Amino acid sequence: MRDRSPIQSVAMLMGVLFVVVGILGFIPGITTSYDGLKFAGHNSDAQLFGIFDTSILHNIVHMLFGIAGIALARTIDGARTYLAGGGLIYLVLLAYGAIWHGETGTNWIPVNWADNILHLALGAGMVVIGVAVTKGVVRRTAPAV
């Protein structure tokens, strides 16, 4: 196993966590009202841990987002891009959830205020880590031939 920079380790950890959360969304009991799990939309009644609204598409996106994190964690630049870019995506999801939350026809992503708070924390945290942890990081370059 090769050495990883701190930002690569954080990106890898985040990627693994997103994959795990996506999988947990398909497990009855961990996901409450599992029989109300819909493919997409605000009418999915399922909730991960009984708190966060979820759907089949939501779970799949978590897993794909996690796989992207694991893949991008291979390089410092990839890890930074994943954390900072992914954080921005979560901040956009926060804005989306704040505007189109609840039972509106325009709400195609099941989100509630618990999701919004989580999206704020994830977005801000990922952006800060993506920017702050890479300051002063020495890029490893291949030796000259």
Protein backbone atom coordinates (compact mmCIF):
# COMPACT_ATOMS: atom_id res chain seq x y z
CA MET A 1 0.00 0.00 0.00
CA ARG A 2 1.43 3.33 -0.99
CA ASP A 3 1.64 6.40 1.19
CA ARG A 4 -1.31 8.74 0.97
CA SER A 5 -1.40 12.42 1.72
CA PRO A 6 -3.92 13.57 4.34
CA ILE A 7 -6.25 14.92 1.66
CA GLN A 8 -6.19 11.61 -0.21
CA SER A 9 -7.04 9.79 3.01
CA VAL A 10 -9.95 12.13 3.70
CA ALA A 11 -11.26 11.76 0.14
CA MET A 12 -10.97 7.96 0.40
CA LEU A 13 -12.79 7.97 3.75
CA MET A 14 -15.56 10.18 2.37
CA GLY A 15 -15.90 7.95 -0.68
CA VAL A 16 -16.20 4.82 1.44
CA LEU A 17 -18.75 6.52 3.72
CA PHE A 18 -20.90 7.54 0.76
CA VAL A 19 -20.85 3.99 -0.62
CA VAL A 20 -21.83 2.60 2.80
CA VAL A 21 -24.64 5.15 3.20
CA GLY A 22 -25.95 4.26 -0.27
CA ILE A 23 -26.00 0.57 0.63
CA LEU A 24 -27.64 1.24 4.02
CA GLY A 25 -30.45 3.01 2.19
CA PHE A 26 -31.48 -0.37 0.75
CA ILE A 27 -31.60 -2.20 4.08
CA PRO A 28 -35.02 -2.45 5.74
CA GLY A 29 -34.87 -1.45 9.39
CA ILE A 30 -31.97 0.92 8.86
CA THR A 31 -34.23 2.60 6.34
CA THR A 32 -37.61 3.14 7.98
CA SER A 33 -40.84 2.91 5.99
CA TYR A 34 -38.90 0.76 3.55
CA ASP A 35 -42.10 -0.30 1.80
CA GLY A 36 -42.59 3.38 0.92
CA LEU A 37 -39.22 3.57 -0.89
CA LYS A 38 -39.85 4.97 -4.37
CA PHE A 39 -37.46 5.33 -7.30
CA ALA A 40 -37.38 9.14 -7.11
CA GLY A 41 -39.45 12.15 -6.13
CA HIS A 42 -40.81 13.76 -3.01
CA ASN A 43 -43.38 11.01 -2.48
CA SER A 44 -40.80 8.46 -1.30
CA ASP A 45 -41.73 7.91 2.34
CA ALA A 46 -38.57 6.00 3.28
CA GLN A 47 -36.05 7.57 5.66
CA LEU A 48 -32.47 6.53 6.33
CA PHE A 49 -32.08 6.05 10.10
CA GLY A 50 -35.65 7.39 10.39
CA ILE A 51 -34.29 10.91 9.81
CA PHE A 52 -33.13 11.56 6.25
CA ASP A 53 -35.52 11.28 3.30
CA THR A 54 -34.30 8.83 0.68
CA SER A 55 -35.23 7.08 -2.55
CA ILE A 56 -33.73 4.42 -4.79
CA LEU A 57 -32.15 7.07 -7.02
CA HIS A 58 -30.86 8.92 -3.96
CA ASN A 59 -29.15 5.74 -2.72
CA ILE A 60 -27.66 5.00 -6.13
CA VAL A 61 -26.30 8.54 -6.39
CA HIS A 62 -24.68 8.19 -2.95
CA MET A 63 -22.95 5.01 -4.08
CA LEU A 64 -21.77 6.55 -7.37
CA PHE A 65 -20.56 9.67 -5.55
CA GLY A 66 -18.64 7.41 -3.17
CA ILE A 67 -17.09 5.39 -6.00
CA ALA A 68 -15.98 8.67 -7.60
CA GLY A 69 -14.34 9.68 -4.31
CA ILE A 70 -12.50 6.39 -4.02
CA ALA A 71 -11.26 6.69 -7.60
CA LEU A 72 -10.26 10.36 -7.29
CA ALA A 73 -8.45 9.74 -3.99
CA ARG A 74 -5.63 8.11 -5.97
CA THR A 75 -4.03 11.52 -6.59
CA ILE A 76 -3.74 14.71 -4.57
CA ASP A 77 -5.32 16.76 -7.36
CA GLY A 78 -8.15 14.26 -7.73
CA ALA A 79 -8.78 14.24 -3.98
CA ARG A 80 -8.85 18.03 -3.86
CA THR A 81 -11.22 18.16 -6.83
CA TYR A 82 -13.52 15.57 -5.25
CA LEU A 83 -13.66 17.32 -1.89
CA ALA A 84 -13.94 20.92 -3.09
CA GLY A 85 -16.17 20.12 -6.09
CA GLY A 86 -18.29 17.63 -4.18
CA GLY A 87 -18.66 20.15 -1.38
CA LEU A 88 -19.96 22.72 -3.85
CA ILE A 89 -22.44 20.15 -5.15
CA TYR A 90 -23.71 19.61 -1.61
CA LEU A 91 -24.08 23.37 -1.10
CA VAL A 92 -26.17 23.50 -4.30
CA LEU A 93 -28.27 20.63 -2.88
CA LEU A 94 -28.73 22.71 0.29
CA ALA A 95 -30.08 25.60 -1.79
CA TYR A 96 -32.30 23.19 -3.75
CA GLY A 97 -33.67 21.67 -0.56
CA ALA A 98 -34.30 25.07 1.00
CA ILE A 99 -36.28 26.20 -2.04
CA TRP A 100 -38.04 22.99 -3.14
CA HIS A 101 -38.44 21.00 0.05
CA GLY A 102 -41.52 19.07 1.06
CA GLU A 103 -44.41 17.83 -0.97
CA THR A 104 -44.15 20.06 -4.02
CA GLY A 105 -44.38 18.72 -7.54
CA THR A 106 -41.06 20.34 -8.45
CA ASN A 107 -39.24 18.43 -5.71
CA TRP A 108 -37.79 15.43 -7.55
CA ILE A 109 -35.18 14.77 -4.83
CA PRO A 110 -36.54 13.64 -1.48
CA VAL A 111 -35.11 16.13 1.01
CA ASN A 112 -36.21 17.41 4.39
CA TRP A 113 -34.63 19.87 6.81
CA ALA A 114 -32.43 17.17 8.34
CA ASP A 115 -31.05 16.57 4.83
CA ASN A 116 -30.53 20.31 4.38
CA ILE A 117 -28.52 20.59 7.60
CA LEU A 118 -26.45 17.56 6.62
CA HIS A 119 -25.87 19.02 3.15
CA LEU A 120 -24.68 22.28 4.75
CA ALA A 121 -22.24 20.44 7.02
CA LEU A 122 -20.98 18.16 4.24
CA GLY A 123 -20.70 20.97 1.70
CA ALA A 124 -18.89 23.41 3.97
CA GLY A 125 -16.67 20.71 5.47
CA MET A 126 -15.67 19.21 2.14
CA VAL A 127 -14.88 22.61 0.59
CA VAL A 128 -12.81 23.69 3.61
CA ILE A 129 -10.88 20.42 3.68
CA GLY A 130 -10.44 20.44 -0.10
CA VAL A 131 -8.93 23.90 0.03
CA ALA A 132 -7.19 24.07 3.42
CA VAL A 133 -5.55 20.65 3.54
CA THR A 134 -3.85 21.12 0.17
CA LYS A 135 -2.15 24.37 1.17
CA GLY A 136 1.52 23.58 1.52
CA VAL A 137 1.18 20.08 0.08
CA VAL A 138 4.26 19.17 -1.89
CA ARG A 139 3.28 17.54 -5.15
CA ARG A 140 5.08 14.31 -5.84
CA THR A 141 6.58 14.27 -9.28
CA ALA A 142 8.20 11.48 -11.18
CA PRO A 143 12.00 11.58 -11.16
CA ALA A 144 13.62 12.94 -14.29
CA VAL A 145 14.96 10.30 -16.64
